[in-house]
Amino acid sequence: MDKLGTIALIIGVVLCVIGGYAIWAFLPEVIIAVKGLIGIAVLITGLMLVIFGILIFRE
């Protein structure tokens, strides 16, 4: 591996460790955020299906 690949690998591992620790330290907030993201994804999916249904109904 060249220098850039090695540096990217080391930084990636360090960021994964820091991110894992942050998730563990703030677990209740992470659970709330994931629930919110699931709600947003369901909302966007519903809106897309409504628009798709309207487009099909017009034909």
N, C-alpha and C. Protein backbone atom coordinates (compact mmCIF):
# COMPACT_ATOMS: atom_id res chain seq x y z
N MET A 1 0.85 -1.19 0.00
CA MET A 1 0.00 0.00 0.00
C MET A 1 0.89 1.24 0.00
N ASP A 2 0.38 2.26 -0.60
CA ASP A 2 1.11 3.51 -0.60
C ASP A 2 0.80 4.29 0.68
N LYS A 3 1.45 5.42 0.83
CA LYS A 3 1.29 6.22 2.06
C LYS A 3 -0.15 6.69 2.24
N LEU A 4 -0.78 7.12 1.16
CA LEU A 4 -2.14 7.65 1.25
C LEU A 4 -3.12 6.58 1.70
N GLY A 5 -2.98 5.37 1.19
CA GLY A 5 -3.84 4.27 1.60
C GLY A 5 -3.67 3.92 3.06
N THR A 6 -2.44 3.91 3.52
CA THR A 6 -2.17 3.62 4.93
C THR A 6 -2.75 4.68 5.84
N ILE A 7 -2.56 5.94 5.47
CA ILE A 7 -3.10 7.04 6.28
C ILE A 7 -4.63 6.97 6.30
N ALA A 8 -5.25 6.72 5.16
CA ALA A 8 -6.71 6.63 5.11
C ALA A 8 -7.21 5.47 5.97
N LEU A 9 -6.50 4.34 5.95
CA LEU A 9 -6.88 3.19 6.77
C LEU A 9 -6.79 3.51 8.26
N ILE A 10 -5.72 4.15 8.67
CA ILE A 10 -5.54 4.49 10.08
C ILE A 10 -6.59 5.50 10.53
N ILE A 11 -6.82 6.53 9.74
CA ILE A 11 -7.84 7.53 10.09
C ILE A 11 -9.22 6.89 10.13
N GLY A 12 -9.51 5.99 9.19
CA GLY A 12 -10.81 5.30 9.18
C GLY A 12 -11.02 4.47 10.42
N VAL A 13 -10.00 3.74 10.85
CA VAL A 13 -10.12 2.92 12.07
C VAL A 13 -10.31 3.81 13.29
N VAL A 14 -9.56 4.90 13.37
CA VAL A 14 -9.70 5.82 14.51
C VAL A 14 -11.10 6.42 14.55
N LEU A 15 -11.62 6.84 13.39
CA LEU A 15 -12.98 7.41 13.35
C LEU A 15 -14.04 6.37 13.71
N CYS A 16 -13.85 5.13 13.31
CA CYS A 16 -14.79 4.06 13.69
C CYS A 16 -14.79 3.84 15.19
N VAL A 17 -13.63 3.85 15.80
CA VAL A 17 -13.54 3.68 17.25
C VAL A 17 -14.19 4.84 17.97
N ILE A 18 -13.91 6.06 17.53
CA ILE A 18 -14.52 7.24 18.16
C ILE A 18 -16.03 7.24 17.97
N GLY A 19 -16.49 6.88 16.77
CA GLY A 19 -17.94 6.82 16.52
C GLY A 19 -18.62 5.75 17.35
N GLY A 20 -18.00 4.60 17.49
CA GLY A 20 -18.56 3.54 18.34
C GLY A 20 -18.65 3.98 19.79
N TYR A 21 -17.60 4.66 20.29
CA TYR A 21 -17.65 5.16 21.66
C TYR A 21 -18.74 6.21 21.83
N ALA A 22 -18.90 7.10 20.84
CA ALA A 22 -19.92 8.14 20.93
C ALA A 22 -21.32 7.52 20.94
N ILE A 23 -21.52 6.49 20.12
CA ILE A 23 -22.83 5.81 20.12
C ILE A 23 -23.07 5.17 21.48
N TRP A 24 -22.07 4.54 22.04
CA TRP A 24 -22.22 3.89 23.35
C TRP A 24 -22.47 4.92 24.45
N ALA A 25 -21.79 6.05 24.38
CA ALA A 25 -21.91 7.07 25.43
C ALA A 25 -23.27 7.77 25.38
N PHE A 26 -23.80 7.96 24.18
CA PHE A 26 -25.06 8.69 24.01
C PHE A 26 -26.16 7.77 23.47
N LEU A 27 -26.25 6.57 24.00
CA LEU A 27 -27.17 5.57 23.45
C LEU A 27 -28.64 6.00 23.46
N PRO A 28 -29.17 6.60 24.54
CA PRO A 28 -30.58 7.02 24.49
C PRO A 28 -30.87 8.05 23.39
N GLU A 29 -29.94 8.99 23.19
CA GLU A 29 -30.13 9.98 22.15
C GLU A 29 -30.04 9.34 20.76
N VAL A 30 -29.17 8.35 20.62
CA VAL A 30 -29.02 7.66 19.34
C VAL A 30 -30.31 6.92 19.00
N ILE A 31 -30.93 6.28 20.00
CA ILE A 31 -32.18 5.56 19.77
C ILE A 31 -33.28 6.53 19.34
N ILE A 32 -33.35 7.69 19.98
CA ILE A 32 -34.34 8.69 19.61
C ILE A 32 -34.10 9.17 18.17
N ALA A 33 -32.83 9.40 17.82
CA ALA A 33 -32.51 9.86 16.46
C ALA A 33 -32.88 8.81 15.42
N VAL A 34 -32.62 7.54 15.72
CA VAL A 34 -32.96 6.47 14.77
C VAL A 34 -34.46 6.38 14.60
N LYS A 35 -35.21 6.51 15.69
CA LYS A 35 -36.67 6.50 15.58
C LYS A 35 -37.16 7.67 14.72
N GLY A 36 -36.56 8.82 14.88
CA GLY A 36 -36.92 9.98 14.07
C GLY A 36 -36.60 9.76 12.60
N LEU A 37 -35.45 9.16 12.32
CA LEU A 37 -35.08 8.89 10.93
C LEU A 37 -36.02 7.87 10.29
N ILE A 38 -36.45 6.88 11.06
CA ILE A 38 -37.42 5.91 10.54
C ILE A 38 -38.73 6.62 10.21
N GLY A 39 -39.17 7.51 11.08
CA GLY A 39 -40.39 8.27 10.81
C GLY A 39 -40.28 9.12 9.56
N ILE A 40 -39.14 9.77 9.38
CA ILE A 40 -38.94 10.60 8.20
C ILE A 40 -38.94 9.74 6.93
N ALA A 41 -38.28 8.57 6.99
CA ALA A 41 -38.25 7.68 5.83
C ALA A 41 -39.65 7.19 5.47
N VAL A 42 -40.46 6.86 6.48
CA VAL A 42 -41.84 6.41 6.22
C VAL A 42 -42.66 7.55 5.61
N LEU A 43 -42.48 8.75 6.12
CA LEU A 43 -43.20 9.91 5.59
C LEU A 43 -42.85 10.16 4.12
N ILE A 44 -41.57 10.14 3.80
CA ILE A 44 -41.15 10.38 2.42
C ILE A 44 -41.66 9.28 1.50
N THR A 45 -41.62 8.02 1.96
CA THR A 45 -42.14 6.92 1.16
C THR A 45 -43.63 7.10 0.92
N GLY A 46 -44.37 7.49 1.94
CA GLY A 46 -45.81 7.73 1.79
C GLY A 46 -46.10 8.84 0.80
N LEU A 47 -45.35 9.93 0.88
CA LEU A 47 -45.55 11.03 -0.06
C LEU A 47 -45.26 10.60 -1.50
N MET A 48 -44.22 9.82 -1.69
CA MET A 48 -43.90 9.34 -3.04
C MET A 48 -45.01 8.44 -3.56
N LEU A 49 -45.56 7.58 -2.71
CA LEU A 49 -46.65 6.70 -3.15
C LEU A 49 -47.91 7.49 -3.48
N VAL A 50 -48.20 8.55 -2.70
CA VAL A 50 -49.35 9.40 -3.00
C VAL A 50 -49.18 10.07 -4.35
N ILE A 51 -48.01 10.63 -4.60
CA ILE A 51 -47.75 11.28 -5.89
C ILE A 51 -47.83 10.27 -7.03
N PHE A 52 -47.26 9.08 -6.83
CA PHE A 52 -47.33 8.04 -7.84
C PHE A 52 -48.77 7.61 -8.10
N GLY A 53 -49.56 7.49 -7.05
CA GLY A 53 -50.97 7.14 -7.20
C GLY A 53 -51.75 8.20 -7.95
N ILE A 54 -51.48 9.47 -7.66
CA ILE A 54 -52.15 10.56 -8.37
C ILE A 54 -51.80 10.52 -9.85
N LEU A 55 -50.54 10.28 -10.18
CA LEU A 55 -50.11 10.25 -11.57
C LEU A 55 -50.78 9.08 -12.31
N ILE A 56 -50.89 7.94 -11.66
CA ILE A 56 -51.53 6.78 -12.29
C ILE A 56 -53.04 7.03 -12.42
N PHE A 57 -53.65 7.64 -11.42
CA PHE A 57 -55.10 7.87 -11.43
C PHE A 57 -55.49 8.82 -12.56
N ARG A 58 -54.63 9.78 -12.90
CA ARG A 58 -54.95 10.75 -13.94
C ARG A 58 -55.00 10.11 -15.32
N GLU A 59 -54.30 9.01 -15.53
CA GLU A 59 -54.28 8.39 -16.86
C GLU A 59 -55.49 7.60 -17.13
